[in-house]
Amino acid sequence: MLTCDYIVEKIDGDYAHLRRTDLPDEEPKLVARALLPAEITEGCTLHYEMMQYTLK
């Protein structure tokens, strides 16, 4: 199972652009905000594990 951390680069309406901290050269991942914690802000770090994002 994939376990990694993401940085919220940009919040764009109902979506957030997430960049993996261990692969900074990879394209940002576009994720619906409904799948993310409500209290995220640009620049915060999220932990992804077991198909769930949590604020770090």
C-alpha atoms as a PDB file:
ATOM      1  CA  MET A   1       0.000   0.000   0.000  1.00  0.00           C
ATOM      2  CA  LEU A   2       1.117   3.499  -0.761  1.00  0.00           C
ATOM      3  CA  THR A   3       2.044   5.630   2.249  1.00  0.00           C
ATOM      4  CA  CYS A   4       3.427   9.117   1.628  1.00  0.00           C
ATOM      5  CA  ASP A   5       3.195  12.803   2.509  1.00  0.00           C
ATOM      6  CA  TYR A   6       1.920  15.624   0.323  1.00  0.00           C
ATOM      7  CA  ILE A   7       2.208  19.400   0.473  1.00  0.00           C
ATOM      8  CA  VAL A   8      -0.882  21.363  -0.527  1.00  0.00           C
ATOM      9  CA  GLU A   9       0.532  23.624  -3.241  1.00  0.00           C
ATOM     10  CA  LYS A  10      -2.665  25.330  -4.340  1.00  0.00           C
ATOM     11  CA  ILE A  11      -6.359  25.275  -3.535  1.00  0.00           C
ATOM     12  CA  ASP A  12      -8.447  25.876  -6.641  1.00  0.00           C
ATOM     13  CA  GLY A  13     -12.161  25.880  -5.865  1.00  0.00           C
ATOM     14  CA  ASP A  14     -13.308  22.319  -5.213  1.00  0.00           C
ATOM     15  CA  TYR A  15      -9.849  20.863  -5.912  1.00  0.00           C
ATOM     16  CA  ALA A  16      -6.390  20.935  -4.355  1.00  0.00           C
ATOM     17  CA  HIS A  17      -3.028  20.465  -6.077  1.00  0.00           C
ATOM     18  CA  LEU A  18      -0.856  18.136  -3.985  1.00  0.00           C
ATOM     19  CA  ARG A  19       2.880  17.520  -4.419  1.00  0.00           C
ATOM     20  CA  ARG A  20       4.589  14.459  -2.941  1.00  0.00           C
ATOM     21  CA  THR A  21       7.379  15.403  -0.556  1.00  0.00           C
ATOM     22  CA  ASP A  22       9.552  12.442  -1.591  1.00  0.00           C
ATOM     23  CA  LEU A  23       9.114  13.069  -5.356  1.00  0.00           C
ATOM     24  CA  PRO A  24       9.215  16.873  -5.769  1.00  0.00           C
ATOM     25  CA  ASP A  25       9.841  16.711  -9.539  1.00  0.00           C
ATOM     26  CA  GLU A  26       6.654  14.732 -10.185  1.00  0.00           C
ATOM     27  CA  GLU A  27       3.531  16.488 -11.503  1.00  0.00           C
ATOM     28  CA  PRO A  28       1.152  17.707  -8.767  1.00  0.00           C
ATOM     29  CA  LYS A  29      -1.828  15.472  -8.057  1.00  0.00           C
ATOM     30  CA  LEU A  30      -5.289  17.018  -8.433  1.00  0.00           C
ATOM     31  CA  VAL A  31      -7.600  15.844  -5.616  1.00  0.00           C
ATOM     32  CA  ALA A  32     -11.209  16.787  -4.865  1.00  0.00           C
ATOM     33  CA  ARG A  33     -11.419  18.769  -1.617  1.00  0.00           C
ATOM     34  CA  ALA A  34     -14.284  16.540  -0.477  1.00  0.00           C
ATOM     35  CA  LEU A  35     -11.663  13.788   0.006  1.00  0.00           C
ATOM     36  CA  LEU A  36      -9.391  16.013   2.122  1.00  0.00           C
ATOM     37  CA  PRO A  37      -9.675  17.348   5.677  1.00  0.00           C
ATOM     38  CA  ALA A  38     -11.820  20.505   5.778  1.00  0.00           C
ATOM     39  CA  GLU A  39      -9.179  22.582   7.591  1.00  0.00           C
ATOM     40  CA  ILE A  40      -6.430  22.351   4.924  1.00  0.00           C
ATOM     41  CA  THR A  41      -4.645  25.499   3.767  1.00  0.00           C
ATOM     42  CA  GLU A  42      -2.036  26.116   1.088  1.00  0.00           C
ATOM     43  CA  GLY A  43       1.364  25.027   2.361  1.00  0.00           C
ATOM     44  CA  CYS A  44       0.117  22.487   4.914  1.00  0.00           C
ATOM     45  CA  THR A  45       1.278  18.855   4.891  1.00  0.00           C
ATOM     46  CA  LEU A  46      -1.007  15.863   4.491  1.00  0.00           C
ATOM     47  CA  HIS A  47      -0.276  12.219   5.241  1.00  0.00           C
ATOM     48  CA  TYR A  48      -1.780   9.624   2.895  1.00  0.00           C
ATOM     49  CA  GLU A  49      -2.305   6.061   4.071  1.00  0.00           C
ATOM     50  CA  MET A  50      -4.982   3.415   3.489  1.00  0.00           C
ATOM     51  CA  MET A  51      -6.773   5.651   0.915  1.00  0.00           C
ATOM     52  CA  GLN A  52      -7.194   8.424   3.513  1.00  0.00           C
ATOM     53  CA  TYR A  53      -5.645  11.878   3.876  1.00  0.00           C
ATOM     54  CA  THR A  54      -4.935  13.292   7.343  1.00  0.00           C
ATOM     55  CA  LEU A  55      -3.478  16.627   8.398  1.00  0.00           C
ATOM     56  CA  LYS A  56       0.064  16.259   9.652  1.00  0.00           C
END
